[in-house]
Protein backbone atom coordinates (compact mmCIF):
# COMPACT_ATOMS: atom_id res chain seq x y z
CA MET A 1 163.14 108.43 137.19
CA ASN A 2 165.40 110.18 134.67
CA THR A 3 164.24 112.54 131.96
CA SER A 4 164.52 110.03 129.08
CA ALA A 5 162.46 107.45 130.98
CA MET A 6 159.80 110.04 131.73
CA ALA A 7 159.68 111.07 128.08
CA SER A 8 159.39 107.45 126.99
CA THR A 9 156.57 106.88 129.47
CA GLY A 10 154.80 109.97 128.18
CA ARG A 11 155.07 108.84 124.57
CA LEU A 12 153.76 105.39 125.50
CA GLY A 13 150.82 106.95 127.32
CA ARG A 14 149.97 109.16 124.36
CA LEU A 15 150.22 106.18 122.02
CA ARG A 16 147.85 104.14 124.17
CA SER A 17 145.45 107.08 124.45
CA GLY A 18 145.51 107.52 120.68
CA ARG A 19 144.79 103.84 120.11
CA ALA A 20 141.95 103.92 122.62
CA ALA A 21 140.41 106.98 120.98
CA ARG A 22 140.78 105.47 117.50
CA GLY A 23 139.25 102.22 118.73
CA SER A 24 136.27 104.06 120.21
CA VAL A 25 135.65 106.01 117.00
CA THR A 26 136.03 102.86 114.90
CA ARG A 27 133.57 100.93 117.05
CA GLY A 28 131.01 103.72 116.79
CA ALA A 29 131.44 103.98 113.02
CA ALA A 30 131.15 100.20 112.57
CA ARG A 31 128.01 99.89 114.66
CA ALA A 32 126.36 102.84 112.91
CA GLY A 33 127.23 101.35 109.52
CA LEU A 34 125.94 97.88 110.38
CA ALA A 35 122.68 99.35 111.67
CA ALA A 36 122.30 101.41 108.46
CA ARG A 37 122.89 98.30 106.35
CA GLY A 38 120.25 96.52 108.42
CA VAL A 39 117.67 99.20 107.66
CA ILE A 40 118.29 98.88 103.91
CA TYR A 41 117.97 95.09 103.90
CA LEU A 42 114.82 95.23 106.02
CA LEU A 43 113.20 97.63 103.56
CA VAL A 44 114.35 95.72 100.46
CA GLY A 45 113.06 92.45 101.94
CA ALA A 46 109.71 94.01 102.83
CA LEU A 47 109.38 95.47 99.32
CA ALA A 48 110.25 92.09 97.78
CA VAL A 49 107.45 90.45 99.80
CA GLN A 50 105.00 93.00 98.38
CA VAL A 51 106.27 92.32 94.84
CA ALA A 52 105.78 88.58 95.38
CA PHE A 53 102.14 89.18 96.26
CA GLY A 54 101.46 91.23 93.16
CA ASP A 55 102.47 94.80 93.97
CA THR A 56 104.47 95.25 90.75
CA GLY A 57 104.71 99.01 91.21
CA ARG A 58 107.29 98.56 93.95
CA GLN A 59 111.02 98.58 93.24
CA ALA A 60 112.74 95.98 95.42
CA ASP A 61 116.25 97.43 95.55
CA ARG A 62 118.19 100.14 97.33
CA GLY A 63 116.52 102.90 95.32
CA GLY A 64 113.09 101.55 96.19
CA ALA A 65 114.07 101.30 99.85
CA LEU A 66 115.25 104.91 99.88
CA ALA A 67 112.10 106.10 98.12
CA GLU A 68 110.00 104.24 100.68
CA LEU A 69 111.95 105.78 103.54
CA SER A 70 111.67 109.29 102.11
CA GLN A 71 107.86 109.06 102.28
CA ARG A 72 107.85 108.44 106.02
CA PRO A 73 107.62 111.14 108.70
CA PHE A 74 111.03 112.79 109.09
CA GLY A 75 112.06 110.94 105.91
CA ALA A 76 114.74 113.48 105.00
CA VAL A 77 116.35 113.18 108.44
CA LEU A 78 116.26 109.38 108.21
CA LEU A 79 117.89 109.42 104.77
CA TRP A 80 120.74 111.64 105.93
CA ALA A 81 121.20 109.51 109.05
CA LEU A 82 121.32 106.40 106.88
CA GLY A 83 123.93 107.93 104.58
CA ILE A 84 126.08 109.07 107.50
CA GLY A 85 125.86 105.61 109.01
CA LEU A 86 127.12 104.09 105.74
CA VAL A 87 129.98 106.59 105.73
CA GLY A 88 130.81 105.12 109.12
CA MET A 89 130.85 101.65 107.57
CA ALA A 90 133.29 102.84 104.89
CA LEU A 91 135.54 104.46 107.52
CA TRP A 92 135.53 101.25 109.58
CA ARG A 93 136.63 99.20 106.58
CA LEU A 94 139.26 101.82 105.77
CA SER A 95 140.57 101.51 109.32
CA GLU A 96 140.83 97.73 108.88
CA ALA A 97 142.71 98.19 105.59
CA VAL A 98 145.19 100.61 107.19
CA PHE A 99 145.58 99.27 110.74
CA GLY A 100 144.36 95.68 110.40
CA ALA A 101 141.30 93.86 111.74
CA PRO A 102 140.86 91.93 115.01
CA GLY A 103 142.02 88.33 114.98
CA GLU A 104 145.20 86.38 114.37
CA ASP A 105 145.39 87.14 110.64
CA GLY A 106 143.72 90.55 110.83
CA ARG A 107 146.89 92.27 109.59
CA SER A 108 147.47 89.91 106.66
CA ALA A 109 147.61 91.27 103.13
CA ARG A 110 144.51 89.27 102.18
CA LYS A 111 142.43 90.74 105.00
CA ARG A 112 143.63 94.25 104.24
CA LEU A 113 142.78 93.91 100.54
CA MET A 114 139.31 92.59 101.37
CA ALA A 115 138.79 95.50 103.76
CA ALA A 116 139.91 97.96 101.08
CA ALA A 117 137.47 96.44 98.56
CA ARG A 118 134.63 96.65 101.08
CA CYS A 119 135.59 100.24 101.86
CA GLY A 120 135.30 101.12 98.16
CA PHE A 121 131.92 99.40 97.93
CA TYR A 122 130.50 101.25 100.93
CA VAL A 123 131.90 104.56 99.71
CA PHE A 124 129.79 104.04 96.59
CA VAL A 125 126.70 102.99 98.59
CA ALA A 126 127.07 105.90 101.03
CA TYR A 127 127.47 108.33 98.12
CA SER A 128 124.34 106.98 96.40
CA VAL A 129 122.29 107.34 99.59
CA LEU A 130 123.55 110.85 100.34
CA TYR A 131 123.01 111.86 96.71
CA PHE A 132 119.45 110.56 96.88
CA ALA A 133 118.89 112.48 100.13
CA ALA A 134 120.14 115.69 98.52
CA THR A 135 118.23 115.33 95.22
CA ARG A 136 115.15 113.32 96.18
CA HIS A 137 112.80 116.09 94.94
CA GLN A 138 114.61 116.40 91.60
CA SER A 139 115.15 112.86 90.30
CA SER A 140 114.63 109.22 91.22
CA GLY A 141 118.27 108.30 90.59
CA GLY A 142 117.38 105.33 88.35
CA SER A 143 116.77 101.71 89.20
CA SER A 144 119.46 99.16 89.96
CA ASP A 145 118.33 97.25 86.85
CA GLN A 146 118.97 100.16 84.50
CA GLN A 147 122.28 100.91 86.19
CA SER A 148 123.37 97.28 85.76
CA ARG A 149 122.46 97.32 82.08
CA ASP A 150 124.29 100.61 81.53
CA VAL A 151 127.44 99.43 83.29
CA THR A 152 127.36 96.11 81.42
CA ALA A 153 126.90 97.86 78.07
CA ARG A 154 129.88 100.15 78.72
CA ALA A 155 132.01 97.21 79.86
CA LEU A 156 131.14 95.14 76.79
CA GLU A 157 132.36 97.96 74.55
CA LEU A 158 135.86 97.77 76.05
CA PRO A 159 138.59 95.63 74.45
CA GLY A 160 138.02 92.14 75.83
CA GLY A 161 134.75 93.37 77.31
CA GLN A 162 133.02 90.00 77.06
CA TRP A 163 135.79 88.35 79.07
CA LEU A 164 135.72 91.20 81.59
CA VAL A 165 131.97 90.98 82.16
CA GLY A 166 132.08 87.19 82.22
CA ALA A 167 134.88 87.16 84.77
CA ALA A 168 133.03 89.70 86.91
CA GLY A 169 129.88 87.57 86.74
CA ILE A 170 131.78 84.45 87.77
CA GLY A 171 133.31 86.44 90.62
CA VAL A 172 129.86 87.50 91.82
CA VAL A 173 128.61 83.91 91.64
CA ALA A 174 131.63 82.76 93.65
CA ALA A 175 131.04 85.54 96.19
CA GLY A 176 127.41 84.48 96.55
CA VAL A 177 128.35 80.85 97.13
CA TRP A 178 131.03 81.94 99.62
CA ILE A 179 128.56 84.14 101.51
CA GLY A 180 125.93 81.40 101.64
CA VAL A 181 128.32 78.61 102.70
CA ARG A 182 129.90 80.72 105.44
CA ALA A 183 126.46 81.65 106.73
CA VAL A 184 125.25 78.04 106.85
CA ARG A 185 128.49 77.00 108.58
CA ARG A 186 128.01 79.85 111.07
CA LYS A 187 131.47 81.27 110.43
CA TYR A 188 130.19 84.60 111.73
CA HIS A 189 130.60 83.13 115.26
CA ASP A 190 134.28 84.04 114.96
CA LYS A 191 133.32 87.73 114.88
CA LEU A 192 130.69 87.76 117.63
CA GLN A 193 131.07 88.33 121.35
CA LEU A 194 129.27 85.07 122.15
CA GLY A 195 130.13 85.28 125.83
CA ARG A 196 127.90 88.35 126.20
CA MET A 197 124.89 86.57 124.67
CA SER A 198 122.42 84.26 126.38
CA ARG A 199 121.70 80.85 124.88
CA ARG A 200 118.33 82.05 123.61
CA THR A 201 119.90 85.12 122.03
CA ARG A 202 122.53 83.00 120.27
CA GLN A 203 119.78 80.79 118.85
CA LEU A 204 117.89 83.79 117.50
CA VAL A 205 121.05 85.29 116.04
CA ASP A 206 121.77 81.96 114.32
CA VAL A 207 118.32 81.98 112.75
CA THR A 208 118.93 85.45 111.31
CA GLY A 209 122.56 84.80 110.41
CA MET A 210 122.06 81.47 108.66
CA GLY A 211 118.75 82.29 106.96
CA GLY A 212 119.72 85.83 106.07
CA GLY A 213 123.19 84.93 104.84
CA ALA A 214 121.90 82.07 102.70
CA ALA A 215 119.29 84.33 101.06
CA ARG A 216 121.83 87.07 100.45
CA GLY A 217 124.26 84.58 98.94
CA LEU A 218 121.56 83.22 96.63
CA VAL A 219 120.71 86.69 95.35
CA PHE A 220 124.39 87.42 94.64
CA ALA A 221 124.82 84.09 92.84
CA VAL A 222 121.73 84.57 90.64
CA ALA A 223 122.79 88.12 89.73
CA GLY A 224 126.20 86.77 88.76
CA VAL A 225 124.63 84.13 86.51
CA PHE A 226 122.71 86.84 84.66
CA ALA A 227 125.95 88.80 84.17
CA VAL A 228 127.64 85.72 82.70
CA ARG A 229 124.68 85.21 80.35
CA ALA A 230 124.93 88.84 79.24
CA ALA A 231 128.63 88.35 78.46
CA VAL A 232 128.13 85.10 76.54
CA ALA A 233 125.25 86.49 74.46
CA TYR A 234 126.85 89.95 74.17
CA GLU A 235 123.52 91.43 75.27
CA PRO A 236 123.72 93.94 78.13
CA ASP A 237 119.95 93.75 78.64
CA ARG A 238 120.43 90.27 80.08
CA ALA A 239 122.24 91.74 83.08
CA LYS A 240 119.95 92.34 86.02
CA GLY A 241 120.05 94.54 89.07
CA LEU A 242 118.67 93.57 92.46
CA ASP A 243 115.04 94.28 91.57
CA ASP A 244 115.01 92.19 88.37
CA THR A 245 117.06 89.45 90.03
CA LEU A 246 114.47 89.12 92.78
CA ARG A 247 111.57 89.21 90.29
CA SER A 248 113.22 86.42 88.27
CA LEU A 249 112.89 84.13 91.31
CA ALA A 250 109.11 84.36 90.98
CA GLU A 251 109.38 83.00 87.43
CA THR A 252 110.83 79.65 88.55
CA PRO A 253 108.69 76.50 88.87
CA LEU A 254 108.31 77.32 92.57
CA GLY A 255 106.50 80.51 91.61
CA PRO A 256 106.30 83.53 93.90
CA TRP A 257 106.89 81.41 96.99
CA LEU A 258 110.62 81.22 96.27
CA LEU A 259 110.67 85.02 96.10
CA VAL A 260 108.75 85.16 99.39
CA CYS A 261 111.32 82.88 101.05
CA VAL A 262 114.24 84.93 99.75
CA ALA A 263 112.51 88.19 100.72
CA VAL A 264 112.00 86.91 104.26
CA GLY A 265 115.66 85.90 104.23
CA LEU A 266 116.68 89.46 103.34
CA VAL A 267 114.58 90.73 106.24
CA LEU A 268 116.40 88.24 108.47
CA PHE A 269 119.72 89.55 107.19
CA GLY A 270 118.61 93.05 108.14
CA LEU A 271 117.92 91.81 111.66
CA PHE A 272 121.27 90.00 111.66
CA SER A 273 122.98 93.29 110.80
CA PHE A 274 121.39 94.82 113.89
CA ALA A 275 122.74 91.89 115.93
CA LEU A 276 126.20 92.51 114.49
CA ALA A 277 125.89 96.18 115.40
CA ARG A 278 125.32 95.09 118.99
CA TRP A 279 127.65 92.13 119.45
CA ARG A 280 130.31 92.15 116.71
CA ARG A 281 133.92 92.42 117.79
CA VAL A 282 135.46 95.53 116.23
């Protein structure tokens, strides 16, 4: 074998080794992030169940979930672990935006843009969790409801602010419908390693995926409707965060039982996130 062939073989070997190492890191980051997301949804769902049964002192959103976690033994360690896991989620989505995702169209511009948007979202979530972990003894960080009202008020003050908030609300409604429909149609099967799962396991995963995805989609859609109402009325107080959105479900003719069903669905989505952490193709 001549020198150029040996050099080419060496470069190819290093390239393959680099891809393998990157793939291993990406898989670890993705699974840690999915597990961290599962913990948050489990806690939010459990808090929402308590709210439905009259515990109005609870805050059924990410802030409430973090506050609940901080009160547990080794709470500080758990909070930092959760934040680091969400950093892993952001890094995984960044990897998909840069290198592409698995699948035939994983390198398409649409998939890369979606991955970049998800990366930005999880950067924000990871930052909020890590900030809470660092300052939990100094401040509560504010509820999602107040944050939503503040953001909506600032957006409405911008030129064309009503149109901006209205468009954002419609986008959130559309995202909620998209999430719910894909869950009911079991589109997540495309991302799972079904061959590694028993029939019973697949059935249980479908229960969590369909029920959890439908509940998550409903919450998104309802929050989007409130944002549209805030834009139309030019009243930022009509915008609602996760906590107020969930509480509004108890004010429907179905009463608190609708909130109970959605809360259980959020718990199911938390369990589904754990299933994704175990069996998702990355």
